[in-house]
Amino acid sequence: MKRTKRVFSSAFKAEVALEAIKGVKTVSELAQKYELHPAQITQWKKQFLDQSASVFESDKKKNEELDQLKKERDELFRQMGELKFENNWYKKNSNDAAIRKDEACRYAQFRGLHCTSMQTTKPL
């Protein structure tokens, strides 16, 4: 009869690794208790110890990434506000829709953007 592969949760692995680290029971006793191979427990213990320092380091990395994302978001909101202001100015200062579109294209080209709908209308 073929035995299916067992999948263990990370909580279970941590529990077994902690018991192995405590040293109250030997690895052989833990292997018998949890029906695991001793090498598996040793591997989980080593992995737990190797990655335990990253628990404290990841907070610092996450905070740095979060700060960077907040700066980017603030910059995007600033740009959106600026563009809204400019858009409203063009709407208020243009009488004709064609003139508004023409002015918007000129401004876009001034800012280095591409605009293909520029028409040949006279400015105000």
C-alpha atoms as a PDB file:
ATOM      1  CA  MET A   1       0.000   0.000   0.000  1.00  0.00           C
ATOM      2  CA  LYS A   2       1.375   3.373  -1.025  1.00  0.00           C
ATOM      3  CA  ARG A   3       1.723   5.946   1.727  1.00  0.00           C
ATOM      4  CA  THR A   4       0.661   9.507   0.885  1.00  0.00           C
ATOM      5  CA  LYS A   5       2.932  12.438   1.556  1.00  0.00           C
ATOM      6  CA  ARG A   6       2.107  14.216   4.789  1.00  0.00           C
ATOM      7  CA  VAL A   7       1.990  18.008   4.796  1.00  0.00           C
ATOM      8  CA  PHE A   8       2.719  19.814   8.051  1.00  0.00           C
ATOM      9  CA  SER A   9       1.635  23.323   8.938  1.00  0.00           C
ATOM     10  CA  SER A  10       4.215  25.925   9.858  1.00  0.00           C
ATOM     11  CA  ALA A  11       2.716  26.112  13.366  1.00  0.00           C
ATOM     12  CA  PHE A  12       3.280  22.382  13.862  1.00  0.00           C
ATOM     13  CA  LYS A  13       6.856  22.640  12.564  1.00  0.00           C
ATOM     14  CA  ALA A  14       7.542  25.540  14.940  1.00  0.00           C
ATOM     15  CA  GLU A  15       6.098  23.601  17.873  1.00  0.00           C
ATOM     16  CA  VAL A  16       8.286  20.567  17.172  1.00  0.00           C
ATOM     17  CA  ALA A  17      11.364  22.746  16.579  1.00  0.00           C
ATOM     18  CA  LEU A  18      10.824  24.594  19.863  1.00  0.00           C
ATOM     19  CA  GLU A  19      10.517  21.332  21.763  1.00  0.00           C
ATOM     20  CA  ALA A  20      13.753  20.166  20.158  1.00  0.00           C
ATOM     21  CA  ILE A  21      15.482  23.448  21.078  1.00  0.00           C
ATOM     22  CA  LYS A  22      14.291  23.231  24.687  1.00  0.00           C
ATOM     23  CA  GLY A  23      16.002  19.860  24.994  1.00  0.00           C
ATOM     24  CA  VAL A  24      13.558  18.402  27.507  1.00  0.00           C
ATOM     25  CA  LYS A  25      13.210  15.332  25.308  1.00  0.00           C
ATOM     26  CA  THR A  26      15.752  13.902  22.907  1.00  0.00           C
ATOM     27  CA  VAL A  27      15.266  14.122  19.171  1.00  0.00           C
ATOM     28  CA  SER A  28      14.564  10.384  19.103  1.00  0.00           C
ATOM     29  CA  GLU A  29      11.844  10.742  21.716  1.00  0.00           C
ATOM     30  CA  LEU A  30      10.268  13.626  19.805  1.00  0.00           C
ATOM     31  CA  ALA A  31      10.449  11.617  16.588  1.00  0.00           C
ATOM     32  CA  GLN A  32       8.601   8.774  18.265  1.00  0.00           C
ATOM     33  CA  LYS A  33       6.035  11.113  19.833  1.00  0.00           C
ATOM     34  CA  TYR A  34       5.191  12.919  16.564  1.00  0.00           C
ATOM     35  CA  GLU A  35       5.858   9.929  14.272  1.00  0.00           C
ATOM     36  CA  LEU A  36       8.577  11.754  12.353  1.00  0.00           C
ATOM     37  CA  HIS A  37      12.092  10.895  11.273  1.00  0.00           C
ATOM     38  CA  PRO A  38      14.764  12.384  13.590  1.00  0.00           C
ATOM     39  CA  ALA A  39      16.478  13.986  10.604  1.00  0.00           C
ATOM     40  CA  GLN A  40      13.260  15.889   9.841  1.00  0.00           C
ATOM     41  CA  ILE A  41      13.153  17.300  13.362  1.00  0.00           C
ATOM     42  CA  THR A  42      16.826  18.256  13.175  1.00  0.00           C
ATOM     43  CA  GLN A  43      16.197  19.999   9.859  1.00  0.00           C
ATOM     44  CA  TRP A  44      13.224  21.970  11.250  1.00  0.00           C
ATOM     45  CA  LYS A  45      15.243  22.914  14.336  1.00  0.00           C
ATOM     46  CA  LYS A  46      18.133  24.187  12.195  1.00  0.00           C
ATOM     47  CA  GLN A  47      15.752  26.084   9.908  1.00  0.00           C
ATOM     48  CA  PHE A  48      14.012  27.645  12.928  1.00  0.00           C
ATOM     49  CA  LEU A  49      17.289  28.802  14.450  1.00  0.00           C
ATOM     50  CA  ASP A  50      18.619  30.138  11.119  1.00  0.00           C
ATOM     51  CA  GLN A  51      15.500  32.175  10.408  1.00  0.00           C
ATOM     52  CA  SER A  52      14.731  33.375  13.923  1.00  0.00           C
ATOM     53  CA  ALA A  53      16.860  36.519  13.521  1.00  0.00           C
ATOM     54  CA  SER A  54      14.866  37.527  10.444  1.00  0.00           C
ATOM     55  CA  VAL A  55      11.786  38.012  12.620  1.00  0.00           C
ATOM     56  CA  PHE A  56      13.311  41.184  14.035  1.00  0.00           C
ATOM     57  CA  GLU A  57      15.024  42.308  10.839  1.00  0.00           C
ATOM     58  CA  SER A  58      11.902  42.077   8.722  1.00  0.00           C
ATOM     59  CA  ASP A  59      10.163  44.771  10.778  1.00  0.00           C
ATOM     60  CA  LYS A  60      12.898  47.227   9.866  1.00  0.00           C
ATOM     61  CA  LYS A  61      12.753  46.261   6.181  1.00  0.00           C
ATOM     62  CA  LYS A  62       8.957  46.468   6.143  1.00  0.00           C
ATOM     63  CA  ASN A  63       9.058  49.918   7.745  1.00  0.00           C
ATOM     64  CA  GLU A  64      11.589  51.138   5.171  1.00  0.00           C
ATOM     65  CA  GLU A  65       9.464  49.791   2.314  1.00  0.00           C
ATOM     66  CA  LEU A  66       6.336  51.329   3.833  1.00  0.00           C
ATOM     67  CA  ASP A  67       8.047  54.721   4.171  1.00  0.00           C
ATOM     68  CA  GLN A  68       9.170  54.558   0.535  1.00  0.00           C
ATOM     69  CA  LEU A  69       5.653  53.679  -0.636  1.00  0.00           C
ATOM     70  CA  LYS A  70       4.193  56.541   1.413  1.00  0.00           C
ATOM     71  CA  LYS A  71       6.649  58.987  -0.182  1.00  0.00           C
ATOM     72  CA  GLU A  72       5.717  57.757  -3.648  1.00  0.00           C
ATOM     73  CA  ARG A  73       2.006  58.017  -2.837  1.00  0.00           C
ATOM     74  CA  ASP A  74       2.419  61.571  -1.511  1.00  0.00           C
ATOM     75  CA  GLU A  75       4.302  62.574  -4.656  1.00  0.00           C
ATOM     76  CA  LEU A  76       1.560  61.105  -6.864  1.00  0.00           C
ATOM     77  CA  PHE A  77      -1.135  62.939  -4.897  1.00  0.00           C
ATOM     78  CA  ARG A  78       0.837  66.176  -5.245  1.00  0.00           C
ATOM     79  CA  GLN A  79       1.070  65.680  -8.998  1.00  0.00           C
ATOM     80  CA  MET A  80      -2.644  64.876  -9.204  1.00  0.00           C
ATOM     81  CA  GLY A  81      -3.510  68.073  -7.347  1.00  0.00           C
ATOM     82  CA  GLU A  82      -1.271  70.102  -9.610  1.00  0.00           C
ATOM     83  CA  LEU A  83      -2.842  68.603 -12.732  1.00  0.00           C
ATOM     84  CA  LYS A  84      -6.367  69.161 -11.382  1.00  0.00           C
ATOM     85  CA  PHE A  85      -5.539  72.789 -10.734  1.00  0.00           C
ATOM     86  CA  GLU A  86      -4.124  73.220 -14.231  1.00  0.00           C
ATOM     87  CA  ASN A  87      -7.101  71.455 -15.787  1.00  0.00           C
ATOM     88  CA  ASN A  88      -9.549  73.710 -13.962  1.00  0.00           C
ATOM     89  CA  TRP A  89      -7.576  76.770 -15.046  1.00  0.00           C
ATOM     90  CA  TYR A  90      -7.788  75.697 -18.684  1.00  0.00           C
ATOM     91  CA  LYS A  91     -11.521  75.063 -18.379  1.00  0.00           C
ATOM     92  CA  LYS A  92     -12.121  78.516 -16.862  1.00  0.00           C
ATOM     93  CA  ASN A  93      -9.875  80.391 -19.269  1.00  0.00           C
ATOM     94  CA  SER A  94     -11.102  78.853 -22.511  1.00  0.00           C
ATOM     95  CA  ASN A  95     -14.371  79.694 -24.254  1.00  0.00           C
ATOM     96  CA  ASP A  96     -14.301  77.104 -26.968  1.00  0.00           C
ATOM     97  CA  ALA A  97     -13.780  73.329 -26.613  1.00  0.00           C
ATOM     98  CA  ALA A  98     -11.348  73.291 -29.529  1.00  0.00           C
ATOM     99  CA  ILE A  99      -9.297  76.057 -27.957  1.00  0.00           C
ATOM    100  CA  ARG A 100      -9.257  74.179 -24.629  1.00  0.00           C
ATOM    101  CA  LYS A 101      -8.023  71.026 -26.343  1.00  0.00           C
ATOM    102  CA  ASP A 102      -5.406  73.000 -28.312  1.00  0.00           C
ATOM    103  CA  GLU A 103      -4.126  74.708 -25.168  1.00  0.00           C
ATOM    104  CA  ALA A 104      -4.035  71.414 -23.305  1.00  0.00           C
ATOM    105  CA  CYS A 105      -1.970  69.884 -26.108  1.00  0.00           C
ATOM    106  CA  ARG A 106       0.442  72.808 -26.108  1.00  0.00           C
ATOM    107  CA  TYR A 107       0.863  72.505 -22.375  1.00  0.00           C
ATOM    108  CA  ALA A 108       1.340  68.738 -22.655  1.00  0.00           C
ATOM    109  CA  GLN A 109       4.027  69.270 -25.282  1.00  0.00           C
ATOM    110  CA  PHE A 110       5.622  71.896 -23.059  1.00  0.00           C
ATOM    111  CA  ARG A 111       5.829  69.299 -20.296  1.00  0.00           C
ATOM    112  CA  GLY A 112       7.406  66.801 -22.687  1.00  0.00           C
ATOM    113  CA  LEU A 113       4.290  64.705 -23.253  1.00  0.00           C
ATOM    114  CA  HIS A 114       2.957  63.562 -26.624  1.00  0.00           C
ATOM    115  CA  CYS A 115      -0.317  64.991 -27.907  1.00  0.00           C
ATOM    116  CA  THR A 116      -1.759  64.104 -31.341  1.00  0.00           C
ATOM    117  CA  SER A 117      -5.061  65.992 -31.212  1.00  0.00           C
ATOM    118  CA  MET A 118      -3.568  69.484 -31.596  1.00  0.00           C
ATOM    119  CA  GLN A 119      -5.718  71.587 -33.869  1.00  0.00           C
ATOM    120  CA  THR A 120      -4.957  74.731 -35.793  1.00  0.00           C
ATOM    121  CA  THR A 121      -7.084  77.256 -33.939  1.00  0.00           C
ATOM    122  CA  LYS A 122      -6.292  80.795 -33.099  1.00  0.00           C
ATOM    123  CA  PRO A 123      -5.416  81.487 -29.475  1.00  0.00           C
ATOM    124  CA  LEU A 124      -7.638  83.750 -27.414  1.00  0.00           C
END
